[in-house]
């Protein structure tokens, strides 16, 4: 959402099965959005058009509660419960 106008900028069709999204993070350059959810998946999205940039990142065996991009935006760290 554009905080100046209140207009929605992009809508992301996030995670399967309508699971709770636990965390959202912008990359430092503002071009990517990362999401994580109860479905144990991390997704990376284009911040301009909401399209998924990569296949979902799977491998966690529990709910992913947090994600953070590195300062340069090249890496992503995640944490579970």
C-alpha atoms as a PDB file:
ATOM      1  CA  UNK A   1       0.000   0.000   0.000  1.00  0.00           C
ATOM      2  CA  UNK A   2       1.185   3.487  -0.795  1.00  0.00           C
ATOM      3  CA  UNK A   3       1.107   5.168   2.603  1.00  0.00           C
ATOM      4  CA  UNK A   4       0.760   8.576   0.983  1.00  0.00           C
ATOM      5  CA  UNK A   5      -2.358   7.761  -1.028  1.00  0.00           C
ATOM      6  CA  UNK A   6      -3.751   4.675   0.717  1.00  0.00           C
ATOM      7  CA  UNK A   7      -3.873   2.873  -2.632  1.00  0.00           C
ATOM      8  CA  UNK A   8      -2.918  -0.783  -2.886  1.00  0.00           C
ATOM      9  CA  UNK A   9       0.251  -1.260  -4.945  1.00  0.00           C
ATOM     10  CA  UNK A  10       0.366  -5.043  -5.339  1.00  0.00           C
ATOM     11  CA  UNK A  11      -1.602  -8.059  -4.151  1.00  0.00           C
ATOM     12  CA  UNK A  12       0.281 -11.290  -3.565  1.00  0.00           C
ATOM     13  CA  UNK A  13      -1.509 -14.625  -3.914  1.00  0.00           C
ATOM     14  CA  UNK A  14       0.646 -16.074  -1.205  1.00  0.00           C
ATOM     15  CA  UNK A  15       0.593 -19.510   0.331  1.00  0.00           C
ATOM     16  CA  UNK A  16      -1.392 -22.653  -0.404  1.00  0.00           C
ATOM     17  CA  UNK A  17      -4.276 -23.837   1.725  1.00  0.00           C
ATOM     18  CA  UNK A  18      -4.962 -20.333   3.071  1.00  0.00           C
ATOM     19  CA  UNK A  19      -2.344 -20.758   5.830  1.00  0.00           C
ATOM     20  CA  UNK A  20      -1.361 -17.839   8.031  1.00  0.00           C
ATOM     21  CA  UNK A  21       1.434 -15.671   6.711  1.00  0.00           C
ATOM     22  CA  UNK A  22       3.765 -15.176   9.665  1.00  0.00           C
ATOM     23  CA  UNK A  23       6.254 -12.663   8.292  1.00  0.00           C
ATOM     24  CA  UNK A  24       6.780 -10.353   5.329  1.00  0.00           C
ATOM     25  CA  UNK A  25      10.120  -8.722   4.469  1.00  0.00           C
ATOM     26  CA  UNK A  26      11.216  -6.293   1.775  1.00  0.00           C
ATOM     27  CA  UNK A  27      14.635  -6.693   0.182  1.00  0.00           C
ATOM     28  CA  UNK A  28      16.929  -3.698   0.801  1.00  0.00           C
ATOM     29  CA  UNK A  29      16.482  -2.498  -2.792  1.00  0.00           C
ATOM     30  CA  UNK A  30      12.677  -2.730  -2.488  1.00  0.00           C
ATOM     31  CA  UNK A  31      12.399  -4.979  -5.550  1.00  0.00           C
ATOM     32  CA  UNK A  32      11.539  -8.252  -3.791  1.00  0.00           C
ATOM     33  CA  UNK A  33       9.188  -9.315  -1.023  1.00  0.00           C
ATOM     34  CA  UNK A  34       9.724 -12.455   1.031  1.00  0.00           C
ATOM     35  CA  UNK A  35       6.889 -14.227   2.843  1.00  0.00           C
ATOM     36  CA  UNK A  36       6.814 -17.175   5.223  1.00  0.00           C
ATOM     37  CA  UNK A  37       3.886 -19.124   6.549  1.00  0.00           C
ATOM     38  CA  UNK A  38       2.368 -21.955   8.531  1.00  0.00           C
ATOM     39  CA  UNK A  39       2.738 -24.117   5.400  1.00  0.00           C
ATOM     40  CA  UNK A  40       6.533 -24.357   6.113  1.00  0.00           C
ATOM     41  CA  UNK A  41       7.276 -22.477   2.877  1.00  0.00           C
ATOM     42  CA  UNK A  42       9.209 -19.313   2.064  1.00  0.00           C
ATOM     43  CA  UNK A  43       8.289 -17.459  -1.117  1.00  0.00           C
ATOM     44  CA  UNK A  44      10.016 -14.611  -2.941  1.00  0.00           C
ATOM     45  CA  UNK A  45       7.870 -12.190  -4.957  1.00  0.00           C
ATOM     46  CA  UNK A  46       8.361  -9.288  -7.341  1.00  0.00           C
ATOM     47  CA  UNK A  47       7.376  -6.172  -5.359  1.00  0.00           C
ATOM     48  CA  UNK A  48       6.068  -4.371  -8.459  1.00  0.00           C
ATOM     49  CA  UNK A  49       3.710  -6.974  -9.918  1.00  0.00           C
ATOM     50  CA  UNK A  50       3.290  -9.641  -7.203  1.00  0.00           C
ATOM     51  CA  UNK A  51       4.581 -12.497  -9.360  1.00  0.00           C
ATOM     52  CA  UNK A  52       6.526 -15.302  -7.708  1.00  0.00           C
ATOM     53  CA  UNK A  53      10.222 -14.992  -8.633  1.00  0.00           C
ATOM     54  CA  UNK A  54      11.410 -18.426  -7.480  1.00  0.00           C
ATOM     55  CA  UNK A  55       9.887 -21.804  -6.811  1.00  0.00           C
ATOM     56  CA  UNK A  56       8.726 -21.930  -3.169  1.00  0.00           C
ATOM     57  CA  UNK A  57      11.616 -22.582  -0.794  1.00  0.00           C
ATOM     58  CA  UNK A  58      10.706 -25.733   1.105  1.00  0.00           C
ATOM     59  CA  UNK A  59      12.594 -27.743   3.691  1.00  0.00           C
ATOM     60  CA  UNK A  60      11.503 -26.461   7.062  1.00  0.00           C
ATOM     61  CA  UNK A  61       9.716 -29.086   9.141  1.00  0.00           C
ATOM     62  CA  UNK A  62       7.886 -26.557  11.301  1.00  0.00           C
ATOM     63  CA  UNK A  63       6.111 -23.226  10.949  1.00  0.00           C
ATOM     64  CA  UNK A  64       8.426 -20.563   9.539  1.00  0.00           C
ATOM     65  CA  UNK A  65       8.051 -17.579  11.861  1.00  0.00           C
ATOM     66  CA  UNK A  66      10.581 -15.092  10.547  1.00  0.00           C
ATOM     67  CA  UNK A  67      12.648 -14.142   7.505  1.00  0.00           C
ATOM     68  CA  UNK A  68      15.129 -11.370   6.838  1.00  0.00           C
ATOM     69  CA  UNK A  69      17.115 -10.314   3.783  1.00  0.00           C
ATOM     70  CA  UNK A  70      20.829  -9.645   4.181  1.00  0.00           C
ATOM     71  CA  UNK A  71      21.903  -5.980   3.909  1.00  0.00           C
ATOM     72  CA  UNK A  72      22.945  -6.534   0.266  1.00  0.00           C
ATOM     73  CA  UNK A  73      19.779  -8.501  -0.527  1.00  0.00           C
ATOM     74  CA  UNK A  74      21.686 -11.548  -1.813  1.00  0.00           C
ATOM     75  CA  UNK A  75      20.815 -13.844   1.098  1.00  0.00           C
ATOM     76  CA  UNK A  76      17.740 -14.678   3.144  1.00  0.00           C
ATOM     77  CA  UNK A  77      17.734 -16.104   6.655  1.00  0.00           C
ATOM     78  CA  UNK A  78      14.736 -17.867   8.193  1.00  0.00           C
ATOM     79  CA  UNK A  79      13.699 -19.174  11.574  1.00  0.00           C
ATOM     80  CA  UNK A  80      11.127 -21.663  12.796  1.00  0.00           C
ATOM     81  CA  UNK A  81       9.280 -22.221  16.054  1.00  0.00           C
END
